[in-house]
Amino acid sequence: MTIPLLVVDVQTGFINDFTHHIPKRVARLIEQKLYSPVLFTRFINAADGPYTRLLQWNGCHDAPETDLSEDLAPYIQSEFVFSKPGLCGMPSELVDYLCENQVQQIAVVGIDTDMCVLKIAMDLFDQGIEPIVLTDCCASTAGLQAHLAGLAVLSRNIGAQRLRDAGLGEGTLAAPVAK
């Protein structure tokens, strides 16, 4: 029996020197056909939301920054894309989908380990759904320290046994040098 894969916010606006490897790595993971279905979230920074009002951050308001990575395009089915306004964690449509389908366990990958991945994994846990965070398929736009901080918090809050390696890290902890 396969479990779903939840790809968190692997979108154009979050690709930088620290995260550039994640779309291709997630595509390789999907190609292994170990997980089904493949679900996606995408972050949309509402113009009147807290990121704009309180942090004066104006990224990810609309396309192309809110577009999911082109590397993932072959795997995206529109009915499995769930938009979320801000760091809200799981959109209600995603919660409904998981409940309706009686999901008990789900693999989680994506960007930012210390923010959106962390929040969604903890929300899944609070819903009684076991999140399995595939650590080598996650990264943070703020770099390796932020990624590791996210993993440390997740380890404490959902249990270290739920942090696993997908075997796609090619022996490196940090992002490989961009080519």
N, C-alpha and C. Protein backbone atom coordinates (compact mmCIF):
# COMPACT_ATOMS: atom_id res chain seq x y z
N MET A 1 0.84 -1.19 0.00
CA MET A 1 0.00 0.00 0.00
C MET A 1 0.88 1.25 0.00
N THR A 2 0.57 2.19 -0.88
CA THR A 2 1.34 3.44 -0.92
C THR A 2 0.66 4.48 -0.04
N ILE A 3 1.46 5.44 0.35
CA ILE A 3 0.93 6.58 1.11
C ILE A 3 1.06 7.82 0.23
N PRO A 4 0.27 8.85 0.50
CA PRO A 4 0.39 10.09 -0.28
C PRO A 4 1.72 10.80 -0.03
N LEU A 5 2.09 11.62 -0.98
CA LEU A 5 3.23 12.52 -0.86
C LEU A 5 2.68 13.93 -0.91
N LEU A 6 3.06 14.75 0.07
CA LEU A 6 2.67 16.15 0.10
C LEU A 6 3.90 17.01 -0.19
N VAL A 7 3.86 17.72 -1.31
CA VAL A 7 4.94 18.59 -1.76
C VAL A 7 4.57 20.01 -1.35
N VAL A 8 5.31 20.55 -0.40
CA VAL A 8 4.99 21.83 0.21
C VAL A 8 5.75 22.98 -0.46
N ASP A 9 5.03 23.85 -1.13
CA ASP A 9 5.53 25.15 -1.61
C ASP A 9 6.80 25.09 -2.44
N VAL A 10 6.92 24.09 -3.30
CA VAL A 10 8.06 24.04 -4.22
C VAL A 10 7.65 24.85 -5.45
N GLN A 11 7.81 26.16 -5.28
CA GLN A 11 7.32 27.12 -6.26
C GLN A 11 8.42 28.10 -6.61
N THR A 12 8.24 28.74 -7.74
CA THR A 12 9.26 29.62 -8.31
C THR A 12 9.78 30.66 -7.33
N GLY A 13 8.90 31.26 -6.56
CA GLY A 13 9.29 32.32 -5.63
C GLY A 13 10.18 31.87 -4.49
N PHE A 14 10.32 30.57 -4.29
CA PHE A 14 11.16 30.06 -3.20
C PHE A 14 12.41 29.34 -3.69
N ILE A 15 12.72 29.48 -4.96
CA ILE A 15 13.92 28.84 -5.49
C ILE A 15 15.07 29.84 -5.42
N ASN A 16 16.13 29.46 -4.69
CA ASN A 16 17.32 30.30 -4.58
C ASN A 16 18.55 29.39 -4.46
N ASP A 17 19.68 29.95 -4.08
CA ASP A 17 20.91 29.15 -3.99
C ASP A 17 20.81 28.02 -2.98
N PHE A 18 19.93 28.15 -1.99
CA PHE A 18 19.80 27.14 -0.95
C PHE A 18 18.75 26.08 -1.27
N THR A 19 17.89 26.35 -2.25
CA THR A 19 16.76 25.46 -2.53
C THR A 19 16.69 24.97 -3.98
N HIS A 20 17.60 25.42 -4.83
CA HIS A 20 17.52 25.13 -6.27
C HIS A 20 17.48 23.64 -6.60
N HIS A 21 18.01 22.82 -5.73
CA HIS A 21 18.08 21.37 -5.97
C HIS A 21 16.79 20.63 -5.63
N ILE A 22 15.92 21.25 -4.89
CA ILE A 22 14.72 20.56 -4.39
C ILE A 22 13.74 20.16 -5.51
N PRO A 23 13.42 21.00 -6.48
CA PRO A 23 12.47 20.55 -7.51
C PRO A 23 12.90 19.27 -8.24
N LYS A 24 14.15 19.21 -8.65
CA LYS A 24 14.63 18.01 -9.36
C LYS A 24 14.67 16.80 -8.42
N ARG A 25 15.03 17.02 -7.19
CA ARG A 25 15.07 15.93 -6.22
C ARG A 25 13.67 15.38 -5.96
N VAL A 26 12.71 16.29 -5.82
CA VAL A 26 11.31 15.86 -5.61
C VAL A 26 10.80 15.14 -6.86
N ALA A 27 11.16 15.62 -8.04
CA ALA A 27 10.76 14.94 -9.28
C ALA A 27 11.32 13.51 -9.29
N ARG A 28 12.58 13.35 -8.90
CA ARG A 28 13.16 11.99 -8.85
C ARG A 28 12.43 11.13 -7.84
N LEU A 29 12.04 11.71 -6.72
CA LEU A 29 11.28 10.97 -5.71
C LEU A 29 9.93 10.51 -6.28
N ILE A 30 9.23 11.41 -6.96
CA ILE A 30 7.94 11.07 -7.55
C ILE A 30 8.10 9.97 -8.59
N GLU A 31 9.17 10.05 -9.38
CA GLU A 31 9.41 9.04 -10.42
C GLU A 31 9.62 7.64 -9.86
N GLN A 32 9.98 7.54 -8.59
CA GLN A 32 10.14 6.22 -7.97
C GLN A 32 8.80 5.51 -7.78
N LYS A 33 7.71 6.26 -7.88
CA LYS A 33 6.35 5.72 -7.75
C LYS A 33 6.12 4.99 -6.42
N LEU A 34 6.71 5.53 -5.37
CA LEU A 34 6.52 4.97 -4.03
C LEU A 34 5.33 5.61 -3.32
N TYR A 35 4.87 6.76 -3.82
CA TYR A 35 3.83 7.53 -3.14
C TYR A 35 2.70 7.85 -4.11
N SER A 36 1.49 7.79 -3.60
CA SER A 36 0.33 8.12 -4.41
C SER A 36 -0.85 8.44 -3.49
N PRO A 37 -1.59 9.48 -3.82
CA PRO A 37 -1.35 10.46 -4.87
C PRO A 37 -0.28 11.46 -4.42
N VAL A 38 0.10 12.31 -5.37
CA VAL A 38 1.04 13.39 -5.08
C VAL A 38 0.22 14.67 -4.94
N LEU A 39 0.29 15.26 -3.77
CA LEU A 39 -0.46 16.47 -3.44
C LEU A 39 0.51 17.64 -3.35
N PHE A 40 0.05 18.83 -3.67
CA PHE A 40 0.90 20.02 -3.67
C PHE A 40 0.23 21.15 -2.90
N THR A 41 1.05 21.92 -2.17
CA THR A 41 0.57 23.20 -1.66
C THR A 41 1.38 24.30 -2.34
N ARG A 42 0.78 25.46 -2.40
CA ARG A 42 1.49 26.64 -2.88
C ARG A 42 1.10 27.82 -2.01
N PHE A 43 2.10 28.56 -1.63
CA PHE A 43 1.96 29.73 -0.76
C PHE A 43 1.58 30.94 -1.61
N ILE A 44 0.55 31.65 -1.17
CA ILE A 44 0.17 32.91 -1.81
C ILE A 44 0.16 33.99 -0.72
N ASN A 45 1.00 34.98 -0.90
CA ASN A 45 1.14 36.07 0.05
C ASN A 45 0.05 37.11 -0.24
N ALA A 46 -0.99 37.09 0.55
CA ALA A 46 -2.10 38.03 0.35
C ALA A 46 -1.61 39.47 0.54
N ALA A 47 -2.07 40.35 -0.33
CA ALA A 47 -1.64 41.76 -0.28
C ALA A 47 -1.94 42.41 1.07
N ASP A 48 -3.02 41.97 1.72
CA ASP A 48 -3.37 42.53 3.03
C ASP A 48 -2.99 41.60 4.17
N GLY A 49 -2.17 40.58 3.87
CA GLY A 49 -1.77 39.60 4.87
C GLY A 49 -0.63 40.06 5.77
N PRO A 50 -0.30 39.28 6.77
CA PRO A 50 0.71 39.67 7.74
C PRO A 50 2.12 39.80 7.18
N TYR A 51 2.47 39.02 6.15
CA TYR A 51 3.82 39.15 5.60
C TYR A 51 4.01 40.52 4.97
N THR A 52 2.97 41.01 4.30
CA THR A 52 3.04 42.33 3.69
C THR A 52 2.92 43.42 4.75
N ARG A 53 1.91 43.31 5.61
CA ARG A 53 1.65 44.35 6.60
C ARG A 53 2.70 44.42 7.70
N LEU A 54 3.10 43.28 8.25
CA LEU A 54 3.97 43.28 9.43
C LEU A 54 5.45 43.13 9.11
N LEU A 55 5.76 42.43 8.02
CA LEU A 55 7.16 42.20 7.68
C LEU A 55 7.60 42.98 6.44
N GLN A 56 6.67 43.68 5.80
CA GLN A 56 6.95 44.43 4.58
C GLN A 56 7.61 43.55 3.51
N TRP A 57 7.19 42.28 3.44
CA TRP A 57 7.68 41.36 2.42
C TRP A 57 6.59 41.22 1.36
N ASN A 58 6.95 41.54 0.13
CA ASN A 58 5.97 41.58 -0.95
C ASN A 58 6.14 40.48 -1.98
N GLY A 59 6.90 39.45 -1.67
CA GLY A 59 7.07 38.35 -2.60
C GLY A 59 5.86 37.43 -2.62
N CYS A 60 5.79 36.62 -3.63
CA CYS A 60 4.78 35.56 -3.78
C CYS A 60 3.33 36.05 -3.73
N HIS A 61 3.10 37.24 -4.28
CA HIS A 61 1.72 37.73 -4.39
C HIS A 61 0.99 37.06 -5.54
N ASP A 62 1.71 36.81 -6.65
CA ASP A 62 1.07 36.22 -7.82
C ASP A 62 2.12 35.57 -8.72
N ALA A 63 1.67 35.09 -9.86
CA ALA A 63 2.57 34.44 -10.81
C ALA A 63 3.62 35.43 -11.30
N PRO A 64 4.81 35.02 -11.59
CA PRO A 64 5.27 33.64 -11.63
C PRO A 64 5.73 33.08 -10.28
N GLU A 65 5.83 33.94 -9.25
CA GLU A 65 6.36 33.47 -7.96
C GLU A 65 5.49 32.42 -7.29
N THR A 66 4.19 32.42 -7.57
CA THR A 66 3.29 31.44 -6.96
C THR A 66 3.15 30.17 -7.80
N ASP A 67 3.78 30.16 -8.97
CA ASP A 67 3.72 28.98 -9.84
C ASP A 67 4.57 27.86 -9.26
N LEU A 68 4.04 26.65 -9.30
CA LEU A 68 4.83 25.50 -8.88
C LEU A 68 5.98 25.32 -9.86
N SER A 69 7.08 24.75 -9.38
CA SER A 69 8.28 24.58 -10.20
C SER A 69 7.98 23.84 -11.50
N GLU A 70 8.57 24.30 -12.57
CA GLU A 70 8.41 23.64 -13.88
C GLU A 70 8.88 22.20 -13.85
N ASP A 71 9.86 21.88 -13.01
CA ASP A 71 10.36 20.51 -12.91
C ASP A 71 9.27 19.55 -12.44
N LEU A 72 8.27 20.08 -11.77
CA LEU A 72 7.20 19.23 -11.24
C LEU A 72 5.96 19.21 -12.14
N ALA A 73 5.95 20.02 -13.19
CA ALA A 73 4.78 20.14 -14.06
C ALA A 73 4.22 18.80 -14.54
N PRO A 74 5.05 17.82 -14.91
CA PRO A 74 4.48 16.56 -15.40
C PRO A 74 3.68 15.79 -14.34
N TYR A 75 3.85 16.15 -13.09
CA TYR A 75 3.23 15.39 -11.99
C TYR A 75 2.05 16.12 -11.35
N ILE A 76 1.79 17.33 -11.80
CA ILE A 76 0.77 18.16 -11.16
C ILE A 76 -0.60 17.88 -11.77
N GLN A 77 -1.55 17.57 -10.91
CA GLN A 77 -2.95 17.46 -11.31
C GLN A 77 -3.67 18.57 -10.55
N SER A 78 -4.39 19.40 -11.24
CA SER A 78 -4.97 20.61 -10.63
C SER A 78 -5.84 20.30 -9.41
N GLU A 79 -6.52 19.16 -9.40
CA GLU A 79 -7.37 18.84 -8.25
C GLU A 79 -6.55 18.49 -7.01
N PHE A 80 -5.25 18.31 -7.17
CA PHE A 80 -4.38 18.00 -6.04
C PHE A 80 -3.45 19.15 -5.68
N VAL A 81 -3.80 20.37 -6.11
CA VAL A 81 -3.04 21.58 -5.75
C VAL A 81 -3.90 22.39 -4.78
N PHE A 82 -3.34 22.66 -3.62
CA PHE A 82 -4.06 23.37 -2.57
C PHE A 82 -3.31 24.66 -2.26
N SER A 83 -3.96 25.80 -2.51
CA SER A 83 -3.34 27.10 -2.23
C SER A 83 -3.56 27.47 -0.78
N LYS A 84 -2.55 28.14 -0.22
CA LYS A 84 -2.66 28.56 1.18
C LYS A 84 -2.21 30.01 1.31
N PRO A 85 -3.02 30.80 1.98
CA PRO A 85 -2.65 32.21 2.19
C PRO A 85 -1.76 32.35 3.42
N GLY A 86 -0.48 32.46 3.20
CA GLY A 86 0.43 32.65 4.31
C GLY A 86 0.86 31.36 4.97
N LEU A 87 1.34 31.49 6.17
CA LEU A 87 1.89 30.37 6.93
C LEU A 87 0.78 29.64 7.67
N CYS A 88 -0.37 29.55 7.05
CA CYS A 88 -1.55 29.02 7.73
C CYS A 88 -1.46 27.52 7.95
N GLY A 89 -0.46 26.87 7.39
CA GLY A 89 -0.41 25.42 7.50
C GLY A 89 -1.31 24.81 6.46
N MET A 90 -2.11 23.86 6.85
CA MET A 90 -2.92 23.14 5.88
C MET A 90 -4.19 23.90 5.51
N PRO A 91 -4.41 24.12 4.23
CA PRO A 91 -5.67 24.72 3.80
C PRO A 91 -6.83 23.78 4.14
N SER A 92 -7.99 24.34 4.40
CA SER A 92 -9.13 23.52 4.81
C SER A 92 -9.49 22.49 3.74
N GLU A 93 -9.29 22.82 2.46
CA GLU A 93 -9.58 21.86 1.39
C GLU A 93 -8.66 20.64 1.48
N LEU A 94 -7.42 20.86 1.89
CA LEU A 94 -6.49 19.75 2.06
C LEU A 94 -6.89 18.90 3.26
N VAL A 95 -7.26 19.54 4.35
CA VAL A 95 -7.72 18.81 5.54
C VAL A 95 -8.93 17.95 5.16
N ASP A 96 -9.88 18.54 4.44
CA ASP A 96 -11.07 17.80 4.01
C ASP A 96 -10.68 16.60 3.15
N TYR A 97 -9.77 16.80 2.21
CA TYR A 97 -9.33 15.71 1.33
C TYR A 97 -8.72 14.57 2.16
N LEU A 98 -7.83 14.91 3.07
CA LEU A 98 -7.16 13.88 3.88
C LEU A 98 -8.15 13.13 4.76
N CYS A 99 -9.11 13.85 5.33
CA CYS A 99 -10.13 13.20 6.17
C CYS A 99 -11.04 12.30 5.33
N GLU A 100 -11.52 12.82 4.20
CA GLU A 100 -12.42 12.04 3.33
C GLU A 100 -11.76 10.75 2.84
N ASN A 101 -10.45 10.80 2.66
CA ASN A 101 -9.72 9.63 2.16
C ASN A 101 -9.05 8.83 3.27
N GLN A 102 -9.38 9.18 4.50
CA GLN A 102 -8.92 8.46 5.69
C GLN A 102 -7.41 8.23 5.68
N VAL A 103 -6.67 9.28 5.33
CA VAL A 103 -5.21 9.20 5.30
C VAL A 103 -4.69 9.08 6.73
N GLN A 104 -3.88 8.08 6.96
CA GLN A 104 -3.30 7.83 8.29
C GLN A 104 -1.84 8.26 8.36
N GLN A 105 -1.16 8.24 7.22
CA GLN A 105 0.26 8.55 7.14
C GLN A 105 0.52 9.24 5.82
N ILE A 106 1.47 10.20 5.81
CA ILE A 106 1.77 10.94 4.59
C ILE A 106 3.23 11.36 4.61
N ALA A 107 3.89 11.25 3.47
CA ALA A 107 5.26 11.73 3.34
C ALA A 107 5.21 13.21 3.00
N VAL A 108 6.14 13.98 3.57
CA VAL A 108 6.15 15.44 3.39
C VAL A 108 7.53 15.87 2.92
N VAL A 109 7.56 16.69 1.88
CA VAL A 109 8.80 17.27 1.34
C VAL A 109 8.52 18.73 1.01
N GLY A 110 9.57 19.52 0.80
CA GLY A 110 9.33 20.87 0.31
C GLY A 110 10.22 21.96 0.86
N ILE A 111 9.73 23.17 0.70
CA ILE A 111 10.42 24.41 1.06
C ILE A 111 9.45 25.21 1.92
N ASP A 112 9.79 25.77 2.91
CA ASP A 112 10.89 25.98 3.80
C ASP A 112 10.77 25.04 5.01
N THR A 113 11.83 24.29 5.28
CA THR A 113 11.81 23.33 6.38
C THR A 113 11.43 24.00 7.69
N ASP A 114 11.96 25.20 7.93
CA ASP A 114 11.78 25.90 9.20
C ASP A 114 10.49 26.69 9.28
N MET A 115 9.71 26.69 8.24
CA MET A 115 8.47 27.46 8.24
C MET A 115 7.30 26.60 7.76
N CYS A 116 7.06 26.58 6.46
CA CYS A 116 5.87 25.93 5.91
C CYS A 116 5.89 24.42 6.08
N VAL A 117 7.02 23.76 5.83
CA VAL A 117 7.11 22.32 6.03
C VAL A 117 6.86 21.99 7.50
N LEU A 118 7.50 22.73 8.39
CA LEU A 118 7.34 22.52 9.83
C LEU A 118 5.88 22.69 10.24
N LYS A 119 5.27 23.77 9.81
CA LYS A 119 3.88 24.06 10.20
C LYS A 119 2.93 22.98 9.69
N ILE A 120 3.09 22.59 8.44
CA ILE A 120 2.20 21.57 7.89
C ILE A 120 2.43 20.22 8.58
N ALA A 121 3.68 19.85 8.81
CA ALA A 121 3.96 18.57 9.48
C ALA A 121 3.36 18.55 10.89
N MET A 122 3.45 19.66 11.59
CA MET A 122 2.88 19.72 12.94
C MET A 122 1.34 19.73 12.88
N ASP A 123 0.77 20.37 11.89
CA ASP A 123 -0.69 20.35 11.71
C ASP A 123 -1.17 18.94 11.39
N LEU A 124 -0.45 18.24 10.52
CA LEU A 124 -0.80 16.85 10.22
C LEU A 124 -0.79 16.02 11.49
N PHE A 125 0.26 16.18 12.27
CA PHE A 125 0.40 15.46 13.54
C PHE A 125 -0.79 15.75 14.45
N ASP A 126 -1.15 17.04 14.55
CA ASP A 126 -2.29 17.44 15.39
C ASP A 126 -3.61 16.85 14.88
N GLN A 127 -3.69 16.58 13.57
CA GLN A 127 -4.88 15.96 12.98
C GLN A 127 -4.90 14.45 13.19
N GLY A 128 -3.82 13.92 13.79
CA GLY A 128 -3.73 12.47 14.00
C GLY A 128 -3.21 11.73 12.78
N ILE A 129 -2.65 12.47 11.82
CA ILE A 129 -2.05 11.88 10.62
C ILE A 129 -0.54 11.87 10.83
N GLU A 130 0.08 10.72 10.63
CA GLU A 130 1.52 10.62 10.86
C GLU A 130 2.30 11.22 9.69
N PRO A 131 3.02 12.34 9.94
CA PRO A 131 3.85 12.91 8.89
C PRO A 131 5.22 12.24 8.88
N ILE A 132 5.68 11.87 7.71
CA ILE A 132 7.03 11.35 7.53
C ILE A 132 7.77 12.40 6.69
N VAL A 133 8.67 13.14 7.31
CA VAL A 133 9.38 14.22 6.63
C VAL A 133 10.65 13.65 6.02
N LEU A 134 10.74 13.73 4.71
CA LEU A 134 11.90 13.23 3.98
C LEU A 134 12.93 14.37 3.90
N THR A 135 13.87 14.33 4.81
CA THR A 135 14.75 15.46 5.09
C THR A 135 15.63 15.89 3.93
N ASP A 136 16.04 14.95 3.09
CA ASP A 136 16.89 15.32 1.96
C ASP A 136 16.10 15.88 0.78
N CYS A 137 14.79 15.93 0.92
CA CYS A 137 13.93 16.54 -0.09
C CYS A 137 13.27 17.80 0.46
N CYS A 138 13.90 18.38 1.48
CA CYS A 138 13.46 19.65 2.07
C CYS A 138 14.66 20.59 2.13
N ALA A 139 14.40 21.87 2.13
CA ALA A 139 15.44 22.88 2.27
C ALA A 139 14.77 24.18 2.69
N SER A 140 15.61 25.13 3.11
CA SER A 140 15.10 26.44 3.52
C SER A 140 15.74 27.55 2.70
N THR A 141 14.94 28.52 2.32
CA THR A 141 15.45 29.65 1.55
C THR A 141 16.48 30.44 2.35
N ALA A 142 16.46 30.31 3.67
CA ALA A 142 17.43 31.02 4.51
C ALA A 142 18.72 30.23 4.72
N GLY A 143 18.82 29.04 4.13
CA GLY A 143 20.06 28.28 4.19
C GLY A 143 20.04 27.08 5.10
N LEU A 144 21.20 26.45 5.21
CA LEU A 144 21.35 25.20 5.93
C LEU A 144 21.01 25.32 7.41
N GLN A 145 21.42 26.40 8.06
CA GLN A 145 21.12 26.53 9.49
C GLN A 145 19.61 26.58 9.73
N ALA A 146 18.88 27.28 8.89
CA ALA A 146 17.43 27.34 9.05
C ALA A 146 16.81 25.97 8.79
N HIS A 147 17.31 25.25 7.79
CA HIS A 147 16.84 23.89 7.51
C HIS A 147 17.06 23.00 8.73
N LEU A 148 18.26 23.04 9.28
CA LEU A 148 18.58 22.21 10.45
C LEU A 148 17.76 22.62 11.67
N ALA A 149 17.53 23.91 11.83
CA ALA A 149 16.69 24.37 12.95
C ALA A 149 15.28 23.82 12.80
N GLY A 150 14.75 23.84 11.59
CA GLY A 150 13.42 23.27 11.35
C GLY A 150 13.38 21.79 11.68
N LEU A 151 14.41 21.06 11.28
CA LEU A 151 14.47 19.63 11.59
C LEU A 151 14.56 19.39 13.09
N ALA A 152 15.32 20.24 13.79
CA ALA A 152 15.44 20.09 15.25
C ALA A 152 14.07 20.28 15.92
N VAL A 153 13.34 21.29 15.51
CA VAL A 153 12.02 21.55 16.08
C VAL A 153 11.06 20.41 15.73
N LEU A 154 11.11 19.95 14.50
CA LEU A 154 10.26 18.82 14.09
C LEU A 154 10.59 17.57 14.89
N SER A 155 11.86 17.30 15.09
CA SER A 155 12.27 16.13 15.85
C SER A 155 11.66 16.13 17.24
N ARG A 156 11.66 17.27 17.86
CA ARG A 156 11.10 17.40 19.21
C ARG A 156 9.57 17.27 19.21
N ASN A 157 8.93 17.81 18.18
CA ASN A 157 7.47 17.92 18.20
C ASN A 157 6.72 16.78 17.53
N ILE A 158 7.31 16.13 16.54
CA ILE A 158 6.62 15.00 15.91
C ILE A 158 7.37 13.69 16.10
N GLY A 159 8.59 13.76 16.67
CA GLY A 159 9.39 12.57 16.93
C GLY A 159 10.46 12.35 15.88
N ALA A 160 11.68 12.12 16.33
CA ALA A 160 12.82 11.94 15.43
C ALA A 160 12.62 10.78 14.45
N GLN A 161 11.87 9.76 14.86
CA GLN A 161 11.65 8.61 13.98
C GLN A 161 10.82 8.96 12.76
N ARG A 162 10.22 10.14 12.75
CA ARG A 162 9.43 10.58 11.60
C ARG A 162 10.24 11.44 10.63
N LEU A 163 11.51 11.63 10.93
CA LEU A 163 12.41 12.34 10.02
C LEU A 163 13.25 11.26 9.34
N ARG A 164 13.12 11.17 8.04
CA ARG A 164 13.78 10.09 7.31
C ARG A 164 14.50 10.64 6.08
N ASP A 165 15.43 9.86 5.59
CA ASP A 165 16.21 10.21 4.41
C ASP A 165 15.66 9.42 3.23
N ALA A 166 15.40 10.09 2.13
CA ALA A 166 14.88 9.42 0.93
C ALA A 166 15.99 8.82 0.08
N GLY A 167 17.23 9.08 0.46
CA GLY A 167 18.36 8.55 -0.29
C GLY A 167 18.69 9.33 -1.55
N LEU A 168 18.25 10.58 -1.61
CA LEU A 168 18.47 11.40 -2.80
C LEU A 168 19.45 12.55 -2.55
N GLY A 169 20.07 12.60 -1.38
CA GLY A 169 20.93 13.71 -1.01
C GLY A 169 22.32 13.68 -1.60
N GLU A 170 22.67 12.59 -2.29
CA GLU A 170 23.95 12.47 -2.97
C GLU A 170 25.12 12.73 -2.04
N GLY A 171 24.95 12.37 -0.77
CA GLY A 171 26.04 12.47 0.19
C GLY A 171 26.29 13.85 0.76
N THR A 172 25.45 14.82 0.43
CA THR A 172 25.68 16.17 0.95
C THR A 172 24.50 16.59 1.83
N LEU A 173 24.81 17.38 2.83
CA LEU A 173 23.78 17.91 3.71
C LEU A 173 23.26 19.25 3.18
N ALA A 174 24.18 20.09 2.72
CA ALA A 174 23.80 21.40 2.19
C ALA A 174 23.43 21.27 0.71
N ALA A 175 22.89 22.34 0.17
CA ALA A 175 22.55 22.37 -1.25
C ALA A 175 23.80 22.21 -2.08
N PRO A 176 23.74 21.41 -3.13
CA PRO A 176 24.90 21.33 -4.03
C PRO A 176 25.11 22.69 -4.71
N VAL A 177 26.31 22.93 -5.17
CA VAL A 177 26.62 24.18 -5.85
C VAL A 177 25.75 24.26 -7.10
N ALA A 178 25.13 25.42 -7.29
CA ALA A 178 24.27 25.63 -8.47
C ALA A 178 25.09 25.52 -9.75
N LYS A 179 24.51 24.88 -10.76
CA LYS A 179 25.22 24.71 -12.04
C LYS A 179 24.69 25.63 -13.07
